[in-house]
Amino acid sequence: MANCSEDFPYTSILYPELENEVSVIVLGVIALILCILTLVNYAEELWFMCRVYSLSHNRNYVILILTIFPILSVCCVLGLLVPRSTLLMELITSTLRAISILVYIRILIGYFGDEDKLVTDMSDETMSFRTPPCCCCCVCLNGSQINSGNLRTIKLLCVQMVVVRPLTMLILVLLWMDNKFKLTDVMSTSNPGTYFQFINIVSLLLSMWGAISLTRFVELKLKECRIRLKFLSVQLAMVFSDAQRAVLTLLASRDVFDCVQTRGPMVQAYRYHYGLLVVETFLLSLLARYAYRFQDPPYQYDELGKDKSEMRSVPTSSTNLNLT
């Protein structure tokens, strides 16, 4: 390979170059240790979920959310060790992150039992779609009572990303195999990745919009279930993965990063991104541990539901008493 190449190097070329770069080796070892710690943390969480959540209908969804962090960490380490696997790692992690938003929505609904119970128990509350990141300033969006239509809209906003993300990444993989796309290409009108990146950003914003709207709507009813932290662990995984990569590749396109032997600025940007992402994923796995790994308290909506039914029966009894 030529010096300052923007092609991801083969391991046969990369490893001999790294023999004299002690700082890079040390950082690689730290990343590997953090990845192992993330896996150990996940193993303990899995043991806890199988022991404590054995009868919970939300258990499988919670386990799936917690699985995202070790897989993301492993993919980052593989991207560091085998640079030419980067596009495949991007396909895997993008798909998992898209699924995580939909799974989070299913967890919120699961706290109420099912969608019908959520609509019934939250019928006295007002739901608003005037939330970030899309419509926080849209005064035309008035609040309304929750119904099956609103809930279906939220699910569609989240489902679309599960379809869009893997599809766009698959198309990019096919273009890469046909030598018509490189992950390290600079964003421009001639680069097909630019258009797919724009589609992914719009899809992400719409999915976040639906998730934030439902989170704000139910968080008071589920205030003891750490709903905000549950969503934050998923949301930050999205932000660190997408926004951080976009910033680093933009800096690389401005030649902020120096060329190191055969590794050009854009290749260096992806290596920095994966190195940082291993650290961030480890910290997010600890946040997710606090948010998900605990015995949920008794749900308040059960008690409120009983109170509502009792209140409905009281006027009926008093009316019958007056008639007699």
C-alpha atoms as a PDB file:
ATOM      1  CA  MET A   1       0.000   0.000   0.000  1.00  0.00           C
ATOM      2  CA  ALA A   2       1.098   3.559  -0.699  1.00  0.00           C
ATOM      3  CA  ASN A   3       1.829   5.946   2.129  1.00  0.00           C
ATOM      4  CA  CYS A   4      -1.166   7.950   3.401  1.00  0.00           C
ATOM      5  CA  SER A   5      -3.580   5.607   1.686  1.00  0.00           C
ATOM      6  CA  GLU A   6      -7.273   6.023   2.473  1.00  0.00           C
ATOM      7  CA  ASP A   7      -7.841   2.296   2.102  1.00  0.00           C
ATOM      8  CA  PHE A   8      -8.115   0.320   5.315  1.00  0.00           C
ATOM      9  CA  PRO A   9      -4.853  -1.667   5.638  1.00  0.00           C
ATOM     10  CA  TYR A  10      -4.571  -5.425   5.767  1.00  0.00           C
ATOM     11  CA  THR A  11      -3.372  -6.893   9.046  1.00  0.00           C
ATOM     12  CA  SER A  12      -0.202  -8.096   7.282  1.00  0.00           C
ATOM     13  CA  ILE A  13       0.636  -4.439   6.627  1.00  0.00           C
ATOM     14  CA  LEU A  14      -0.762  -2.881   9.817  1.00  0.00           C
ATOM     15  CA  TYR A  15       0.874  -5.073  12.459  1.00  0.00           C
ATOM     16  CA  PRO A  16       4.489  -4.619  11.263  1.00  0.00           C
ATOM     17  CA  GLU A  17       3.887  -0.850  11.293  1.00  0.00           C
ATOM     18  CA  LEU A  18       2.654  -0.973  14.891  1.00  0.00           C
ATOM     19  CA  GLU A  19       5.685  -2.843  16.249  1.00  0.00           C
ATOM     20  CA  ASN A  20       7.486   0.389  17.125  1.00  0.00           C
ATOM     21  CA  GLU A  21       4.402   2.415  18.134  1.00  0.00           C
ATOM     22  CA  VAL A  22       4.308   1.715  21.869  1.00  0.00           C
ATOM     23  CA  SER A  23       1.540   4.237  22.606  1.00  0.00           C
ATOM     24  CA  VAL A  24      -0.774   2.634  20.031  1.00  0.00           C
ATOM     25  CA  ILE A  25      -0.092  -0.835  21.463  1.00  0.00           C
ATOM     26  CA  VAL A  26      -0.812   0.374  25.018  1.00  0.00           C
ATOM     27  CA  LEU A  27      -4.071   1.997  23.939  1.00  0.00           C
ATOM     28  CA  GLY A  28      -5.013  -1.189  22.104  1.00  0.00           C
ATOM     29  CA  VAL A  29      -4.397  -3.265  25.239  1.00  0.00           C
ATOM     30  CA  ILE A  30      -6.518  -0.840  27.298  1.00  0.00           C
ATOM     31  CA  ALA A  31      -9.326  -1.129  24.745  1.00  0.00           C
ATOM     32  CA  LEU A  32      -9.119  -4.924  24.900  1.00  0.00           C
ATOM     33  CA  ILE A  33      -9.253  -4.885  28.722  1.00  0.00           C
ATOM     34  CA  LEU A  34     -12.296  -2.590  28.700  1.00  0.00           C
ATOM     35  CA  CYS A  35     -13.977  -4.895  26.192  1.00  0.00           C
ATOM     36  CA  ILE A  36     -13.357  -7.874  28.473  1.00  0.00           C
ATOM     37  CA  LEU A  37     -14.723  -5.940  31.465  1.00  0.00           C
ATOM     38  CA  THR A  38     -17.834  -5.090  29.439  1.00  0.00           C
ATOM     39  CA  LEU A  39     -18.318  -8.785  28.668  1.00  0.00           C
ATOM     40  CA  VAL A  40     -17.849  -9.727  32.340  1.00  0.00           C
ATOM     41  CA  ASN A  41     -20.362  -7.067  33.365  1.00  0.00           C
ATOM     42  CA  TYR A  42     -22.835  -8.442  30.831  1.00  0.00           C
ATOM     43  CA  ALA A  43     -22.357 -12.022  32.063  1.00  0.00           C
ATOM     44  CA  GLU A  44     -23.205 -10.947  35.615  1.00  0.00           C
ATOM     45  CA  GLU A  45     -26.240  -8.995  34.381  1.00  0.00           C
ATOM     46  CA  LEU A  46     -27.426 -12.025  32.438  1.00  0.00           C
ATOM     47  CA  TRP A  47     -27.127 -14.178  35.567  1.00  0.00           C
ATOM     48  CA  PHE A  48     -29.110 -11.601  37.549  1.00  0.00           C
ATOM     49  CA  MET A  49     -31.844 -11.361  34.911  1.00  0.00           C
ATOM     50  CA  CYS A  50     -32.286 -15.127  34.710  1.00  0.00           C
ATOM     51  CA  ARG A  51     -32.454 -15.399  38.501  1.00  0.00           C
ATOM     52  CA  VAL A  52     -34.595 -12.360  39.401  1.00  0.00           C
ATOM     53  CA  TYR A  53     -36.542 -11.674  36.202  1.00  0.00           C
ATOM     54  CA  SER A  54     -37.388 -15.295  35.437  1.00  0.00           C
ATOM     55  CA  LEU A  55     -41.147 -14.591  35.451  1.00  0.00           C
ATOM     56  CA  SER A  56     -41.088 -11.050  34.063  1.00  0.00           C
ATOM     57  CA  HIS A  57     -42.568 -10.482  30.602  1.00  0.00           C
ATOM     58  CA  ASN A  58     -39.976  -7.701  30.087  1.00  0.00           C
ATOM     59  CA  ARG A  59     -36.972  -9.929  30.778  1.00  0.00           C
ATOM     60  CA  ASN A  60     -36.160 -10.853  27.182  1.00  0.00           C
ATOM     61  CA  TYR A  61     -36.407  -7.228  26.065  1.00  0.00           C
ATOM     62  CA  VAL A  62     -34.129  -6.078  28.893  1.00  0.00           C
ATOM     63  CA  ILE A  63     -31.582  -8.782  28.076  1.00  0.00           C
ATOM     64  CA  LEU A  64     -31.611  -7.700  24.429  1.00  0.00           C
ATOM     65  CA  ILE A  65     -30.930  -4.087  25.404  1.00  0.00           C
ATOM     66  CA  LEU A  66     -28.043  -5.122  27.665  1.00  0.00           C
ATOM     67  CA  THR A  67     -26.618  -7.365  24.908  1.00  0.00           C
ATOM     68  CA  ILE A  68     -26.084  -4.365  22.637  1.00  0.00           C
ATOM     69  CA  PHE A  69     -23.209  -2.957  24.707  1.00  0.00           C
ATOM     70  CA  PRO A  70     -20.873  -5.994  24.700  1.00  0.00           C
ATOM     71  CA  ILE A  71     -21.538  -6.602  20.999  1.00  0.00           C
ATOM     72  CA  LEU A  72     -20.801  -2.961  20.225  1.00  0.00           C
ATOM     73  CA  SER A  73     -17.568  -3.173  22.222  1.00  0.00           C
ATOM     74  CA  VAL A  74     -16.488  -6.411  20.506  1.00  0.00           C
ATOM     75  CA  CYS A  75     -17.207  -4.937  17.070  1.00  0.00           C
ATOM     76  CA  CYS A  76     -15.085  -1.888  17.889  1.00  0.00           C
ATOM     77  CA  VAL A  77     -12.158  -4.050  18.993  1.00  0.00           C
ATOM     78  CA  LEU A  78     -12.485  -6.163  15.839  1.00  0.00           C
ATOM     79  CA  GLY A  79     -12.495  -2.966  13.794  1.00  0.00           C
ATOM     80  CA  LEU A  80      -9.232  -1.980  15.492  1.00  0.00           C
ATOM     81  CA  LEU A  81      -7.610  -5.399  15.076  1.00  0.00           C
ATOM     82  CA  VAL A  82      -8.878  -6.062  11.541  1.00  0.00           C
ATOM     83  CA  PRO A  83      -9.368  -2.648   9.889  1.00  0.00           C
ATOM     84  CA  ARG A  84     -10.799  -4.039   6.647  1.00  0.00           C
ATOM     85  CA  SER A  85     -13.754  -5.428   8.612  1.00  0.00           C
ATOM     86  CA  THR A  86     -14.893  -1.872   9.434  1.00  0.00           C
ATOM     87  CA  LEU A  87     -17.799  -1.765   6.980  1.00  0.00           C
ATOM     88  CA  LEU A  88     -19.113  -5.119   8.224  1.00  0.00           C
ATOM     89  CA  MET A  89     -18.843  -3.913  11.827  1.00  0.00           C
ATOM     90  CA  GLU A  90     -20.770  -0.769  10.862  1.00  0.00           C
ATOM     91  CA  LEU A  91     -23.550  -2.927   9.376  1.00  0.00           C
ATOM     92  CA  ILE A  92     -23.826  -5.021  12.557  1.00  0.00           C
ATOM     93  CA  THR A  93     -23.705  -2.146  15.037  1.00  0.00           C
ATOM     94  CA  SER A  94     -26.084   0.068  13.027  1.00  0.00           C
ATOM     95  CA  THR A  95     -28.657  -2.726  12.934  1.00  0.00           C
ATOM     96  CA  LEU A  96     -28.359  -3.387  16.668  1.00  0.00           C
ATOM     97  CA  ARG A  97     -28.663   0.278  17.593  1.00  0.00           C
ATOM     98  CA  ALA A  98     -31.761   0.607  15.436  1.00  0.00           C
ATOM     99  CA  ILE A  99     -33.324  -2.426  17.111  1.00  0.00           C
ATOM    100  CA  SER A 100     -32.519  -1.035  20.571  1.00  0.00           C
ATOM    101  CA  ILE A 101     -34.924   1.898  20.163  1.00  0.00           C
ATOM    102  CA  LEU A 102     -37.796  -0.400  19.204  1.00  0.00           C
ATOM    103  CA  VAL A 103     -36.974  -2.767  22.073  1.00  0.00           C
ATOM    104  CA  TYR A 104     -36.959   0.173  24.493  1.00  0.00           C
ATOM    105  CA  ILE A 105     -40.480   1.098  23.337  1.00  0.00           C
ATOM    106  CA  ARG A 106     -41.577  -2.493  23.918  1.00  0.00           C
ATOM    107  CA  ILE A 107     -40.178  -2.298  27.463  1.00  0.00           C
ATOM    108  CA  LEU A 108     -42.230   0.824  28.197  1.00  0.00           C
ATOM    109  CA  ILE A 109     -45.380  -0.844  26.900  1.00  0.00           C
ATOM    110  CA  GLY A 110     -44.511  -4.012  28.814  1.00  0.00           C
ATOM    111  CA  TYR A 111     -44.636  -2.167  32.120  1.00  0.00           C
ATOM    112  CA  PHE A 112     -48.355  -1.705  31.532  1.00  0.00           C
ATOM    113  CA  GLY A 113     -48.918  -5.261  30.322  1.00  0.00           C
ATOM    114  CA  ASP A 114     -49.888  -4.480  26.732  1.00  0.00           C
ATOM    115  CA  GLU A 115     -50.894  -1.585  24.480  1.00  0.00           C
ATOM    116  CA  ASP A 116     -54.586  -1.657  25.445  1.00  0.00           C
ATOM    117  CA  LYS A 117     -53.757  -1.433  29.144  1.00  0.00           C
ATOM    118  CA  LEU A 118     -51.379   1.472  28.502  1.00  0.00           C
ATOM    119  CA  VAL A 119     -54.102   3.371  26.656  1.00  0.00           C
ATOM    120  CA  THR A 120     -56.615   2.635  29.429  1.00  0.00           C
ATOM    121  CA  ASP A 121     -54.340   3.490  32.363  1.00  0.00           C
ATOM    122  CA  MET A 122     -53.033   6.697  30.741  1.00  0.00           C
ATOM    123  CA  SER A 123     -56.373   7.898  29.400  1.00  0.00           C
ATOM    124  CA  ASP A 124     -56.497  10.800  31.873  1.00  0.00           C
ATOM    125  CA  GLU A 125     -53.100  12.164  30.781  1.00  0.00           C
ATOM    126  CA  THR A 126     -52.352  14.448  27.829  1.00  0.00           C
ATOM    127  CA  MET A 127     -49.814  13.303  25.280  1.00  0.00           C
ATOM    128  CA  SER A 128     -47.866  15.748  23.124  1.00  0.00           C
ATOM    129  CA  PHE A 129     -45.615  15.260  20.115  1.00  0.00           C
ATOM    130  CA  ARG A 130     -44.125  18.725  20.675  1.00  0.00           C
ATOM    131  CA  THR A 131     -40.785  17.259  21.761  1.00  0.00           C
ATOM    132  CA  PRO A 132     -37.216  17.308  20.459  1.00  0.00           C
ATOM    133  CA  PRO A 133     -35.479  16.596  18.217  1.00  0.00           C
ATOM    134  CA  CYS A 134     -38.059  17.276  15.479  1.00  0.00           C
ATOM    135  CA  CYS A 135     -41.029  19.285  16.717  1.00  0.00           C
ATOM    136  CA  CYS A 136     -40.133  20.987  19.988  1.00  0.00           C
ATOM    137  CA  CYS A 137     -41.053  24.395  18.480  1.00  0.00           C
ATOM    138  CA  CYS A 138     -44.173  23.338  16.550  1.00  0.00           C
ATOM    139  CA  VAL A 139     -46.934  25.219  18.360  1.00  0.00           C
ATOM    140  CA  CYS A 140     -49.486  23.693  15.989  1.00  0.00           C
ATOM    141  CA  LEU A 141     -49.041  20.290  17.661  1.00  0.00           C
ATOM    142  CA  ASN A 142     -51.569  20.352  20.484  1.00  0.00           C
ATOM    143  CA  GLY A 143     -51.680  17.726  23.199  1.00  0.00           C
ATOM    144  CA  SER A 144     -54.332  15.039  23.089  1.00  0.00           C
ATOM    145  CA  GLN A 145     -55.365  11.935  24.946  1.00  0.00           C
ATOM    146  CA  ILE A 146     -53.475   8.744  24.198  1.00  0.00           C
ATOM    147  CA  ASN A 147     -55.182   6.345  21.830  1.00  0.00           C
ATOM    148  CA  SER A 148     -54.274   3.380  19.677  1.00  0.00           C
ATOM    149  CA  GLY A 149     -53.559   5.712  16.743  1.00  0.00           C
ATOM    150  CA  ASN A 150     -50.968   7.742  18.664  1.00  0.00           C
ATOM    151  CA  LEU A 151     -49.316   4.587  19.924  1.00  0.00           C
ATOM    152  CA  ARG A 152     -49.262   3.120  16.419  1.00  0.00           C
ATOM    153  CA  THR A 153     -47.581   6.296  15.134  1.00  0.00           C
ATOM    154  CA  ILE A 154     -44.845   6.027  17.774  1.00  0.00           C
ATOM    155  CA  LYS A 155     -44.219   2.384  16.909  1.00  0.00           C
ATOM    156  CA  LEU A 156     -44.015   3.210  13.184  1.00  0.00           C
ATOM    157  CA  LEU A 157     -41.502   5.985  13.882  1.00  0.00           C
ATOM    158  CA  CYS A 158     -39.293   3.442  15.653  1.00  0.00           C
ATOM    159  CA  VAL A 159     -39.890   0.529  13.275  1.00  0.00           C
ATOM    160  CA  GLN A 160     -38.881   2.545  10.212  1.00  0.00           C
ATOM    161  CA  MET A 161     -35.298   2.827  11.476  1.00  0.00           C
ATOM    162  CA  VAL A 162     -35.081  -0.946  11.932  1.00  0.00           C
ATOM    163  CA  VAL A 163     -35.816  -1.179   8.202  1.00  0.00           C
ATOM    164  CA  VAL A 164     -33.929   1.874   6.912  1.00  0.00           C
ATOM    165  CA  ARG A 165     -30.624   1.419   8.770  1.00  0.00           C
ATOM    166  CA  PRO A 166     -29.840  -2.186   7.720  1.00  0.00           C
ATOM    167  CA  LEU A 167     -31.096  -1.531   4.173  1.00  0.00           C
ATOM    168  CA  THR A 168     -28.897   1.525   3.596  1.00  0.00           C
ATOM    169  CA  MET A 169     -25.859  -0.204   5.090  1.00  0.00           C
ATOM    170  CA  LEU A 170     -26.480  -3.307   2.953  1.00  0.00           C
ATOM    171  CA  ILE A 171     -26.609  -1.147  -0.179  1.00  0.00           C
ATOM    172  CA  LEU A 172     -23.318   0.487   0.818  1.00  0.00           C
ATOM    173  CA  VAL A 173     -21.745  -2.951   1.316  1.00  0.00           C
ATOM    174  CA  LEU A 174     -22.856  -3.958  -2.185  1.00  0.00           C
ATOM    175  CA  LEU A 175     -21.455  -0.706  -3.629  1.00  0.00           C
ATOM    176  CA  TRP A 176     -18.196  -1.322  -1.780  1.00  0.00           C
ATOM    177  CA  MET A 177     -17.967  -4.854  -3.194  1.00  0.00           C
ATOM    178  CA  ASP A 178     -18.516  -3.365  -6.671  1.00  0.00           C
ATOM    179  CA  ASN A 179     -15.723  -0.837  -5.991  1.00  0.00           C
ATOM    180  CA  LYS A 180     -18.103   2.126  -6.244  1.00  0.00           C
ATOM    181  CA  PHE A 181     -17.941   3.219  -2.619  1.00  0.00           C
ATOM    182  CA  LYS A 182     -15.341   3.557   0.113  1.00  0.00           C
ATOM    183  CA  LEU A 183     -16.123   4.220   3.736  1.00  0.00           C
ATOM    184  CA  THR A 184     -13.241   6.681   3.857  1.00  0.00           C
ATOM    185  CA  ASP A 185     -14.468   8.781   0.921  1.00  0.00           C
ATOM    186  CA  VAL A 186     -15.004  12.460   1.686  1.00  0.00           C
ATOM    187  CA  MET A 187     -18.656  13.497   1.829  1.00  0.00           C
ATOM    188  CA  SER A 188     -19.641  15.055  -1.502  1.00  0.00           C
ATOM    189  CA  THR A 189     -22.379  14.966  -4.108  1.00  0.00           C
ATOM    190  CA  SER A 190     -20.423  12.338  -6.045  1.00  0.00           C
ATOM    191  CA  ASN A 191     -20.183  10.064  -3.006  1.00  0.00           C
ATOM    192  CA  PRO A 192     -23.262   7.802  -2.646  1.00  0.00           C
ATOM    193  CA  GLY A 193     -22.535   7.489   1.062  1.00  0.00           C
ATOM    194  CA  THR A 194     -23.488  11.160   1.501  1.00  0.00           C
ATOM    195  CA  TYR A 195     -27.094  10.540   0.488  1.00  0.00           C
ATOM    196  CA  PHE A 196     -27.432   7.393   2.591  1.00  0.00           C
ATOM    197  CA  GLN A 197     -25.917   9.223   5.538  1.00  0.00           C
ATOM    198  CA  PHE A 198     -28.574  11.935   5.170  1.00  0.00           C
ATOM    199  CA  ILE A 199     -31.320   9.269   5.042  1.00  0.00           C
ATOM    200  CA  ASN A 200     -29.928   7.655   8.194  1.00  0.00           C
ATOM    201  CA  ILE A 201     -29.859  10.979  10.049  1.00  0.00           C
ATOM    202  CA  VAL A 202     -33.496  11.721   9.184  1.00  0.00           C
ATOM    203  CA  SER A 203     -34.480   8.181  10.180  1.00  0.00           C
ATOM    204  CA  LEU A 204     -32.650   8.538  13.506  1.00  0.00           C
ATOM    205  CA  LEU A 205     -34.315  11.873  14.298  1.00  0.00           C
ATOM    206  CA  LEU A 206     -37.778  10.461  13.604  1.00  0.00           C
ATOM    207  CA  SER A 207     -37.116   7.407  15.756  1.00  0.00           C
ATOM    208  CA  MET A 208     -35.796   9.542  18.617  1.00  0.00           C
ATOM    209  CA  TRP A 209     -38.834  11.805  18.295  1.00  0.00           C
ATOM    210  CA  GLY A 210     -41.222   8.918  18.856  1.00  0.00           C
ATOM    211  CA  ALA A 211     -39.190   7.450  21.735  1.00  0.00           C
ATOM    212  CA  ILE A 212     -38.857  10.800  23.529  1.00  0.00           C
ATOM    213  CA  SER A 213     -42.578  11.537  23.141  1.00  0.00           C
ATOM    214  CA  LEU A 214     -43.586   8.249  24.763  1.00  0.00           C
ATOM    215  CA  THR A 215     -40.907   8.543  27.461  1.00  0.00           C
ATOM    216  CA  ARG A 216     -42.130  11.973  28.552  1.00  0.00           C
ATOM    217  CA  PHE A 217     -45.699  10.742  28.520  1.00  0.00           C
ATOM    218  CA  VAL A 218     -45.240   7.747  30.840  1.00  0.00           C
ATOM    219  CA  GLU A 219     -42.280   8.776  32.997  1.00  0.00           C
ATOM    220  CA  LEU A 220     -44.389  10.221  35.824  1.00  0.00           C
ATOM    221  CA  LYS A 221     -46.397   7.019  36.094  1.00  0.00           C
ATOM    222  CA  LEU A 222     -43.192   4.941  36.061  1.00  0.00           C
ATOM    223  CA  LYS A 223     -40.999   7.365  38.007  1.00  0.00           C
ATOM    224  CA  GLU A 224     -39.560   4.608  40.225  1.00  0.00           C
ATOM    225  CA  CYS A 225     -38.463   2.488  37.257  1.00  0.00           C
ATOM    226  CA  ARG A 226     -35.574   4.762  36.164  1.00  0.00           C
ATOM    227  CA  ILE A 227     -37.143   5.359  32.762  1.00  0.00           C
ATOM    228  CA  ARG A 228     -34.977   8.384  31.945  1.00  0.00           C
ATOM    229  CA  LEU A 229     -31.771   6.462  32.631  1.00  0.00           C
ATOM    230  CA  LYS A 230     -33.013   3.513  30.588  1.00  0.00           C
ATOM    231  CA  PHE A 231     -33.572   5.762  27.600  1.00  0.00           C
ATOM    232  CA  LEU A 232     -30.359   7.738  28.189  1.00  0.00           C
ATOM    233  CA  SER A 233     -28.211   4.614  27.938  1.00  0.00           C
ATOM    234  CA  VAL A 234     -29.734   3.807  24.539  1.00  0.00           C
ATOM    235  CA  GLN A 235     -29.770   7.412  23.343  1.00  0.00           C
ATOM    236  CA  LEU A 236     -26.112   8.058  24.174  1.00  0.00           C
ATOM    237  CA  ALA A 237     -25.081   4.883  22.364  1.00  0.00           C
ATOM    238  CA  MET A 238     -26.679   6.395  19.256  1.00  0.00           C
ATOM    239  CA  VAL A 239     -25.080   9.802  19.771  1.00  0.00           C
ATOM    240  CA  PHE A 240     -21.585   8.483  20.430  1.00  0.00           C
ATOM    241  CA  SER A 241     -21.752   6.104  17.469  1.00  0.00           C
ATOM    242  CA  ASP A 242     -23.156   8.492  14.858  1.00  0.00           C
ATOM    243  CA  ALA A 243     -22.302  12.031  15.942  1.00  0.00           C
ATOM    244  CA  GLN A 244     -18.773  11.192  17.047  1.00  0.00           C
ATOM    245  CA  ARG A 245     -17.990   9.409  13.785  1.00  0.00           C
ATOM    246  CA  ALA A 246     -19.384  12.346  11.796  1.00  0.00           C
ATOM    247  CA  VAL A 247     -17.252  14.864  13.716  1.00  0.00           C
ATOM    248  CA  LEU A 248     -14.051  12.822  13.430  1.00  0.00           C
ATOM    249  CA  THR A 249     -14.469  12.160   9.710  1.00  0.00           C
ATOM    250  CA  LEU A 250     -15.175  15.865   9.164  1.00  0.00           C
ATOM    251  CA  LEU A 251     -11.936  16.731  10.966  1.00  0.00           C
ATOM    252  CA  ALA A 252     -10.101  14.138   8.885  1.00  0.00           C
ATOM    253  CA  SER A 253     -11.436  15.665   5.675  1.00  0.00           C
ATOM    254  CA  ARG A 254      -9.886  18.971   6.835  1.00  0.00           C
ATOM    255  CA  ASP A 255      -6.528  17.196   7.380  1.00  0.00           C
ATOM    256  CA  VAL A 256      -6.623  17.709  11.136  1.00  0.00           C
ATOM    257  CA  PHE A 257      -5.216  14.201  11.668  1.00  0.00           C
ATOM    258  CA  ASP A 258      -1.722  13.458  10.471  1.00  0.00           C
ATOM    259  CA  CYS A 259      -0.893  10.644   8.123  1.00  0.00           C
ATOM    260  CA  VAL A 260       0.953   7.759   9.810  1.00  0.00           C
ATOM    261  CA  GLN A 261       2.837   5.558   7.334  1.00  0.00           C
ATOM    262  CA  THR A 262       0.192   3.840   5.181  1.00  0.00           C
ATOM    263  CA  ARG A 263      -2.737   5.099   7.278  1.00  0.00           C
ATOM    264  CA  GLY A 264      -4.280   8.263   5.890  1.00  0.00           C
ATOM    265  CA  PRO A 265      -6.275  10.839   7.919  1.00  0.00           C
ATOM    266  CA  MET A 266      -9.641   9.183   7.298  1.00  0.00           C
ATOM    267  CA  VAL A 267      -8.355   5.753   8.347  1.00  0.00           C
ATOM    268  CA  GLN A 268      -6.913   7.362  11.460  1.00  0.00           C
ATOM    269  CA  ALA A 269     -10.282   8.988  12.180  1.00  0.00           C
ATOM    270  CA  TYR A 270     -12.032   5.606  12.220  1.00  0.00           C
ATOM    271  CA  ARG A 271      -9.347   4.166  14.490  1.00  0.00           C
ATOM    272  CA  TYR A 272      -9.772   7.049  16.937  1.00  0.00           C
ATOM    273  CA  HIS A 273     -13.538   6.610  16.726  1.00  0.00           C
ATOM    274  CA  TYR A 274     -13.408   2.924  17.600  1.00  0.00           C
ATOM    275  CA  GLY A 275     -10.888   3.487  20.382  1.00  0.00           C
ATOM    276  CA  LEU A 276     -13.074   6.151  21.988  1.00  0.00           C
ATOM    277  CA  LEU A 277     -16.198   4.090  21.430  1.00  0.00           C
ATOM    278  CA  VAL A 278     -14.789   1.156  23.412  1.00  0.00           C
ATOM    279  CA  VAL A 279     -14.316   3.446  26.415  1.00  0.00           C
ATOM    280  CA  GLU A 280     -17.727   5.059  25.980  1.00  0.00           C
ATOM    281  CA  THR A 281     -19.449   1.707  25.571  1.00  0.00           C
ATOM    282  CA  PHE A 282     -17.903   0.471  28.813  1.00  0.00           C
ATOM    283  CA  LEU A 283     -19.219   3.533  30.657  1.00  0.00           C
ATOM    284  CA  LEU A 284     -22.642   3.166  29.024  1.00  0.00           C
ATOM    285  CA  SER A 285     -22.758  -0.495  30.044  1.00  0.00           C
ATOM    286  CA  LEU A 286     -22.311   0.648  33.665  1.00  0.00           C
ATOM    287  CA  LEU A 287     -25.108   3.187  33.214  1.00  0.00           C
ATOM    288  CA  ALA A 288     -27.343   0.503  31.687  1.00  0.00           C
ATOM    289  CA  ARG A 289     -26.459  -1.795  34.576  1.00  0.00           C
ATOM    290  CA  TYR A 290     -27.779   0.776  37.052  1.00  0.00           C
ATOM    291  CA  ALA A 291     -30.846   1.513  34.921  1.00  0.00           C
ATOM    292  CA  TYR A 292     -31.916  -2.053  34.121  1.00  0.00           C
ATOM    293  CA  ARG A 293     -30.297  -4.389  36.643  1.00  0.00           C
ATOM    294  CA  PHE A 294     -32.581  -3.979  39.649  1.00  0.00           C
ATOM    295  CA  GLN A 295     -35.822  -5.393  40.953  1.00  0.00           C
ATOM    296  CA  ASP A 296     -38.618  -3.173  39.653  1.00  0.00           C
ATOM    297  CA  PRO A 297     -40.864  -1.770  42.397  1.00  0.00           C
ATOM    298  CA  PRO A 298     -44.597  -2.517  42.393  1.00  0.00           C
ATOM    299  CA  TYR A 299     -46.144  -0.628  39.527  1.00  0.00           C
ATOM    300  CA  GLN A 300     -48.274   2.296  40.628  1.00  0.00           C
ATOM    301  CA  TYR A 301     -50.627   2.006  37.704  1.00  0.00           C
ATOM    302  CA  ASP A 302     -52.098  -1.182  39.192  1.00  0.00           C
ATOM    303  CA  GLU A 303     -53.143   0.699  42.318  1.00  0.00           C
ATOM    304  CA  LEU A 304     -54.404   3.639  40.324  1.00  0.00           C
ATOM    305  CA  GLY A 305     -56.408   1.325  38.126  1.00  0.00           C
ATOM    306  CA  LYS A 306     -58.088  -0.138  41.188  1.00  0.00           C
ATOM    307  CA  ASP A 307     -58.798   3.337  42.572  1.00  0.00           C
ATOM    308  CA  LYS A 308     -60.421   4.334  39.302  1.00  0.00           C
ATOM    309  CA  SER A 309     -62.683   1.300  39.319  1.00  0.00           C
ATOM    310  CA  GLU A 310     -63.652   1.993  42.941  1.00  0.00           C
ATOM    311  CA  MET A 311     -64.407   5.628  42.139  1.00  0.00           C
ATOM    312  CA  ARG A 312     -66.662   4.562  39.313  1.00  0.00           C
ATOM    313  CA  SER A 313     -68.600   2.265  41.641  1.00  0.00           C
ATOM    314  CA  VAL A 314     -69.131   4.903  44.367  1.00  0.00           C
ATOM    315  CA  PRO A 315     -71.407   7.273  42.394  1.00  0.00           C
ATOM    316  CA  THR A 316     -73.497   4.327  41.273  1.00  0.00           C
ATOM    317  CA  SER A 317     -74.070   3.190  44.860  1.00  0.00           C
ATOM    318  CA  SER A 318     -74.948   6.671  46.058  1.00  0.00           C
ATOM    319  CA  THR A 319     -77.357   7.164  43.202  1.00  0.00           C
ATOM    320  CA  ASN A 320     -79.153   3.948  44.024  1.00  0.00           C
ATOM    321  CA  LEU A 321     -79.314   4.983  47.671  1.00  0.00           C
ATOM    322  CA  ASN A 322     -80.935   8.309  46.784  1.00  0.00           C
ATOM    323  CA  LEU A 323     -83.486   6.648  44.560  1.00  0.00           C
ATOM    324  CA  THR A 324     -84.542   4.320  47.346  1.00  0.00           C
END
